[in-house]
Amino acid sequence: MKAFSLFLLFAIACGTHAESVCEDVGLCRAQTDDQITACQNEAKSLELEARASDCGGPFDEYFSCADDHYLCTGNVPSFAGCELTRGLLDSCLSGARAQNSCGALAVRLAACPGKPPASPTPAPCGATELCTSRCYLDDVADVCLPQPLELSEFAHCVQQCP
């Protein structure tokens, strides 16, 4: 029984690097457990999309670095020394734009009649923009004509993006 308890404690404590980063950021910003969980869910979605875009390696490298180099100053989280790995992840995601949510959003916006609305995610498509575009696609039924309630849900989702 004692061995099982130790295993269970170890299994609970061993999340992914991205989950740890979300928890660290959430604690630094005094976020609720629900907000931290929402960030972790967004990180899982980002990971799936990164892997589908052949960016799994850069994703792993960045979040491993961020997990190891986390610093909280006041309520501002930072990851000093991870700029290069973040840049590599962002470059990979930008290069894979046609295969990810940034590209999917761009295609849907381009199909809007008349002048398409401005994209909520500017190029290039990095980790933050990938998450933002996924939030928009998930929360806005008609990207050509977003409704106020949908934009509110979108804004809430974006707050959970890395």
C-alpha atoms as a PDB file:
ATOM      1  CA  MET A   1       0.000   0.000   0.000  1.00  0.00           C
ATOM      2  CA  LYS A   2       2.819   2.406   0.846  1.00  0.00           C
ATOM      3  CA  ALA A   3       4.487   1.727  -2.537  1.00  0.00           C
ATOM      4  CA  PHE A   4       1.193   2.434  -4.315  1.00  0.00           C
ATOM      5  CA  SER A   5       0.811   5.728  -2.414  1.00  0.00           C
ATOM      6  CA  LEU A   6       4.315   6.789  -3.417  1.00  0.00           C
ATOM      7  CA  PHE A   7       3.609   5.835  -7.035  1.00  0.00           C
ATOM      8  CA  LEU A   8       0.354   7.809  -6.993  1.00  0.00           C
ATOM      9  CA  LEU A   9       2.068  10.859  -5.493  1.00  0.00           C
ATOM     10  CA  PHE A  10       4.830  10.608  -8.122  1.00  0.00           C
ATOM     11  CA  ALA A  11       2.297  10.222 -10.965  1.00  0.00           C
ATOM     12  CA  ILE A  12       0.307  13.246  -9.805  1.00  0.00           C
ATOM     13  CA  ALA A  13       3.439  15.382  -9.462  1.00  0.00           C
ATOM     14  CA  CYS A  14       4.734  14.395 -12.895  1.00  0.00           C
ATOM     15  CA  GLY A  15       2.859  16.471 -15.431  1.00  0.00           C
ATOM     16  CA  THR A  16       4.218  17.617 -18.734  1.00  0.00           C
ATOM     17  CA  HIS A  17       6.527  20.597 -19.070  1.00  0.00           C
ATOM     18  CA  ALA A  18       3.689  22.593 -20.642  1.00  0.00           C
ATOM     19  CA  GLU A  19       1.374  21.769 -17.718  1.00  0.00           C
ATOM     20  CA  SER A  20       4.067  22.886 -15.274  1.00  0.00           C
ATOM     21  CA  VAL A  21       4.551  26.143 -17.178  1.00  0.00           C
ATOM     22  CA  CYS A  22       0.803  26.796 -17.034  1.00  0.00           C
ATOM     23  CA  GLU A  23       0.779  26.139 -13.309  1.00  0.00           C
ATOM     24  CA  ASP A  24       3.785  28.404 -12.737  1.00  0.00           C
ATOM     25  CA  VAL A  25       2.280  31.208 -14.829  1.00  0.00           C
ATOM     26  CA  GLY A  26      -1.066  30.779 -13.099  1.00  0.00           C
ATOM     27  CA  LEU A  27       0.467  30.974  -9.638  1.00  0.00           C
ATOM     28  CA  CYS A  28       2.550  33.992 -10.639  1.00  0.00           C
ATOM     29  CA  ARG A  29      -0.526  35.818 -11.977  1.00  0.00           C
ATOM     30  CA  ALA A  30      -2.697  34.651  -9.022  1.00  0.00           C
ATOM     31  CA  GLN A  31      -5.066  32.800 -11.355  1.00  0.00           C
ATOM     32  CA  THR A  32      -7.725  30.377 -10.181  1.00  0.00           C
ATOM     33  CA  ASP A  33      -7.427  26.606 -10.497  1.00  0.00           C
ATOM     34  CA  ASP A  34      -9.956  26.769 -13.336  1.00  0.00           C
ATOM     35  CA  GLN A  35      -7.800  29.289 -15.210  1.00  0.00           C
ATOM     36  CA  ILE A  36      -4.710  27.119 -14.743  1.00  0.00           C
ATOM     37  CA  THR A  37      -6.644  24.087 -15.982  1.00  0.00           C
ATOM     38  CA  ALA A  38      -7.861  26.087 -18.993  1.00  0.00           C
ATOM     39  CA  CYS A  39      -4.252  27.003 -19.803  1.00  0.00           C
ATOM     40  CA  GLN A  40      -3.244  23.355 -19.519  1.00  0.00           C
ATOM     41  CA  ASN A  41      -6.056  22.380 -21.885  1.00  0.00           C
ATOM     42  CA  GLU A  42      -4.938  25.059 -24.362  1.00  0.00           C
ATOM     43  CA  ALA A  43      -1.363  23.759 -24.052  1.00  0.00           C
ATOM     44  CA  LYS A  44      -2.591  20.250 -24.926  1.00  0.00           C
ATOM     45  CA  SER A  45      -4.371  21.642 -27.985  1.00  0.00           C
ATOM     46  CA  LEU A  46      -1.249  23.585 -28.937  1.00  0.00           C
ATOM     47  CA  GLU A  47       0.827  20.428 -28.590  1.00  0.00           C
ATOM     48  CA  LEU A  48      -1.534  18.436 -30.813  1.00  0.00           C
ATOM     49  CA  GLU A  49      -1.471  21.162 -33.419  1.00  0.00           C
ATOM     50  CA  ALA A  50       2.323  21.506 -33.186  1.00  0.00           C
ATOM     51  CA  ARG A  51       2.755  17.767 -33.682  1.00  0.00           C
ATOM     52  CA  ALA A  52       0.322  17.801 -36.624  1.00  0.00           C
ATOM     53  CA  SER A  53       2.429  20.617 -38.110  1.00  0.00           C
ATOM     54  CA  ASP A  54       5.689  18.639 -37.625  1.00  0.00           C
ATOM     55  CA  CYS A  55       6.718  21.053 -34.866  1.00  0.00           C
ATOM     56  CA  GLY A  56       6.651  18.578 -31.967  1.00  0.00           C
ATOM     57  CA  GLY A  57      10.407  18.764 -31.389  1.00  0.00           C
ATOM     58  CA  PRO A  58      10.514  22.560 -31.094  1.00  0.00           C
ATOM     59  CA  PHE A  59       7.390  22.423 -28.897  1.00  0.00           C
ATOM     60  CA  ASP A  60       9.087  19.986 -26.494  1.00  0.00           C
ATOM     61  CA  GLU A  61      12.329  21.988 -26.467  1.00  0.00           C
ATOM     62  CA  TYR A  62      10.614  25.293 -25.714  1.00  0.00           C
ATOM     63  CA  PHE A  63       8.383  24.016 -22.906  1.00  0.00           C
ATOM     64  CA  SER A  64      11.252  22.050 -21.371  1.00  0.00           C
ATOM     65  CA  CYS A  65      13.342  25.226 -21.365  1.00  0.00           C
ATOM     66  CA  ALA A  66      10.460  27.324 -20.039  1.00  0.00           C
ATOM     67  CA  ASP A  67       9.827  24.806 -17.266  1.00  0.00           C
ATOM     68  CA  ASP A  68      13.503  24.911 -16.279  1.00  0.00           C
ATOM     69  CA  HIS A  69      13.955  28.714 -16.546  1.00  0.00           C
ATOM     70  CA  TYR A  70      10.711  30.039 -15.072  1.00  0.00           C
ATOM     71  CA  LEU A  71      10.940  33.229 -13.018  1.00  0.00           C
ATOM     72  CA  CYS A  72       8.147  35.301 -11.471  1.00  0.00           C
ATOM     73  CA  THR A  73       8.793  38.974 -10.787  1.00  0.00           C
ATOM     74  CA  GLY A  74       5.786  40.586  -9.153  1.00  0.00           C
ATOM     75  CA  ASN A  75       3.016  39.030 -11.202  1.00  0.00           C
ATOM     76  CA  VAL A  76       4.999  38.839 -14.452  1.00  0.00           C
ATOM     77  CA  PRO A  77       6.276  35.393 -15.484  1.00  0.00           C
ATOM     78  CA  SER A  78       9.388  35.156 -17.639  1.00  0.00           C
ATOM     79  CA  PHE A  79      11.556  32.437 -19.142  1.00  0.00           C
ATOM     80  CA  ALA A  80      15.022  33.955 -19.511  1.00  0.00           C
ATOM     81  CA  GLY A  81      17.271  31.980 -21.816  1.00  0.00           C
ATOM     82  CA  CYS A  82      14.389  30.419 -23.765  1.00  0.00           C
ATOM     83  CA  GLU A  83      14.172  33.058 -26.473  1.00  0.00           C
ATOM     84  CA  LEU A  84      15.975  30.873 -29.020  1.00  0.00           C
ATOM     85  CA  THR A  85      13.765  27.816 -28.423  1.00  0.00           C
ATOM     86  CA  ARG A  86      10.633  30.022 -28.511  1.00  0.00           C
ATOM     87  CA  GLY A  87      11.863  31.524 -31.788  1.00  0.00           C
ATOM     88  CA  LEU A  88      12.431  28.057 -33.251  1.00  0.00           C
ATOM     89  CA  LEU A  89       8.929  26.957 -32.230  1.00  0.00           C
ATOM     90  CA  ASP A  90       7.378  30.126 -33.630  1.00  0.00           C
ATOM     91  CA  SER A  91       9.335  29.774 -36.896  1.00  0.00           C
ATOM     92  CA  CYS A  92       8.263  26.155 -37.278  1.00  0.00           C
ATOM     93  CA  LEU A  93       4.610  26.976 -36.625  1.00  0.00           C
ATOM     94  CA  SER A  94       4.757  29.923 -39.001  1.00  0.00           C
ATOM     95  CA  GLY A  95       6.264  27.728 -41.708  1.00  0.00           C
ATOM     96  CA  ALA A  96       3.532  25.144 -41.158  1.00  0.00           C
ATOM     97  CA  ARG A  97       0.798  27.800 -41.232  1.00  0.00           C
ATOM     98  CA  ALA A  98      -1.125  26.151 -44.076  1.00  0.00           C
ATOM     99  CA  GLN A  99      -1.558  23.030 -41.915  1.00  0.00           C
ATOM    100  CA  ASN A 100      -2.570  24.672 -38.639  1.00  0.00           C
ATOM    101  CA  SER A 101      -5.277  26.900 -37.132  1.00  0.00           C
ATOM    102  CA  CYS A 102      -3.583  30.107 -38.352  1.00  0.00           C
ATOM    103  CA  GLY A 103      -3.891  28.876 -41.925  1.00  0.00           C
ATOM    104  CA  ALA A 104      -7.416  27.561 -41.398  1.00  0.00           C
ATOM    105  CA  LEU A 105      -8.497  30.948 -40.037  1.00  0.00           C
ATOM    106  CA  ALA A 106      -6.820  32.798 -42.902  1.00  0.00           C
ATOM    107  CA  VAL A 107      -8.670  30.616 -45.441  1.00  0.00           C
ATOM    108  CA  ARG A 108     -12.028  31.179 -43.741  1.00  0.00           C
ATOM    109  CA  LEU A 109     -11.458  34.951 -43.499  1.00  0.00           C
ATOM    110  CA  ALA A 110     -10.438  35.120 -47.175  1.00  0.00           C
ATOM    111  CA  ALA A 111     -13.781  33.531 -48.110  1.00  0.00           C
ATOM    112  CA  CYS A 112     -15.766  36.358 -46.468  1.00  0.00           C
ATOM    113  CA  PRO A 113     -17.824  38.404 -48.928  1.00  0.00           C
ATOM    114  CA  GLY A 114     -16.552  41.891 -49.666  1.00  0.00           C
ATOM    115  CA  LYS A 115     -13.547  43.063 -47.694  1.00  0.00           C
ATOM    116  CA  PRO A 116     -12.648  40.330 -45.196  1.00  0.00           C
ATOM    117  CA  PRO A 117     -12.474  41.371 -41.535  1.00  0.00           C
ATOM    118  CA  ALA A 118      -9.074  41.837 -39.978  1.00  0.00           C
ATOM    119  CA  SER A 119      -7.580  38.651 -38.591  1.00  0.00           C
ATOM    120  CA  PRO A 120      -7.417  38.467 -34.791  1.00  0.00           C
ATOM    121  CA  THR A 121      -4.033  36.749 -35.221  1.00  0.00           C
ATOM    122  CA  PRO A 122      -1.342  38.691 -37.052  1.00  0.00           C
ATOM    123  CA  ALA A 123       1.392  36.879 -38.963  1.00  0.00           C
ATOM    124  CA  PRO A 124       3.738  35.249 -38.275  1.00  0.00           C
ATOM    125  CA  CYS A 125       2.003  32.319 -36.660  1.00  0.00           C
ATOM    126  CA  GLY A 126       3.815  31.557 -33.420  1.00  0.00           C
ATOM    127  CA  ALA A 127       2.590  29.685 -30.366  1.00  0.00           C
ATOM    128  CA  THR A 128       0.480  32.597 -29.103  1.00  0.00           C
ATOM    129  CA  GLU A 129      -1.070  33.272 -32.512  1.00  0.00           C
ATOM    130  CA  LEU A 130      -1.742  29.571 -33.036  1.00  0.00           C
ATOM    131  CA  CYS A 131      -3.640  29.444 -29.752  1.00  0.00           C
ATOM    132  CA  THR A 132      -5.457  32.706 -30.507  1.00  0.00           C
ATOM    133  CA  SER A 133      -6.585  31.525 -33.936  1.00  0.00           C
ATOM    134  CA  ARG A 134      -7.757  28.198 -32.441  1.00  0.00           C
ATOM    135  CA  CYS A 135      -9.802  30.157 -29.864  1.00  0.00           C
ATOM    136  CA  TYR A 136     -11.366  32.254 -32.642  1.00  0.00           C
ATOM    137  CA  LEU A 137     -12.215  29.240 -34.769  1.00  0.00           C
ATOM    138  CA  ASP A 138     -13.706  27.421 -31.773  1.00  0.00           C
ATOM    139  CA  ASP A 139     -15.675  30.363 -30.337  1.00  0.00           C
ATOM    140  CA  VAL A 140     -16.891  32.271 -33.419  1.00  0.00           C
ATOM    141  CA  ALA A 141     -19.418  30.435 -35.591  1.00  0.00           C
ATOM    142  CA  ASP A 142     -19.221  32.851 -38.541  1.00  0.00           C
ATOM    143  CA  VAL A 143     -15.738  34.400 -38.745  1.00  0.00           C
ATOM    144  CA  CYS A 144     -17.112  36.938 -41.240  1.00  0.00           C
ATOM    145  CA  LEU A 145     -19.725  38.199 -38.773  1.00  0.00           C
ATOM    146  CA  PRO A 146     -18.662  37.559 -35.146  1.00  0.00           C
ATOM    147  CA  GLN A 147     -21.298  38.190 -32.497  1.00  0.00           C
ATOM    148  CA  PRO A 148     -20.572  40.125 -29.266  1.00  0.00           C
ATOM    149  CA  LEU A 149     -21.074  37.083 -27.007  1.00  0.00           C
ATOM    150  CA  GLU A 150     -18.754  35.030 -29.228  1.00  0.00           C
ATOM    151  CA  LEU A 151     -16.119  37.756 -29.050  1.00  0.00           C
ATOM    152  CA  SER A 152     -16.430  37.737 -25.267  1.00  0.00           C
ATOM    153  CA  GLU A 153     -15.895  33.958 -25.191  1.00  0.00           C
ATOM    154  CA  PHE A 154     -12.969  34.389 -27.598  1.00  0.00           C
ATOM    155  CA  ALA A 155     -11.394  37.036 -25.340  1.00  0.00           C
ATOM    156  CA  HIS A 156     -11.747  34.718 -22.328  1.00  0.00           C
ATOM    157  CA  CYS A 157     -10.104  31.865 -24.243  1.00  0.00           C
ATOM    158  CA  VAL A 158      -7.213  34.080 -25.375  1.00  0.00           C
ATOM    159  CA  GLN A 159      -6.396  34.878 -21.750  1.00  0.00           C
ATOM    160  CA  GLN A 160      -5.387  31.220 -21.379  1.00  0.00           C
ATOM    161  CA  CYS A 161      -2.953  31.270 -24.322  1.00  0.00           C
ATOM    162  CA  PRO A 162       0.784  30.984 -23.723  1.00  0.00           C
END
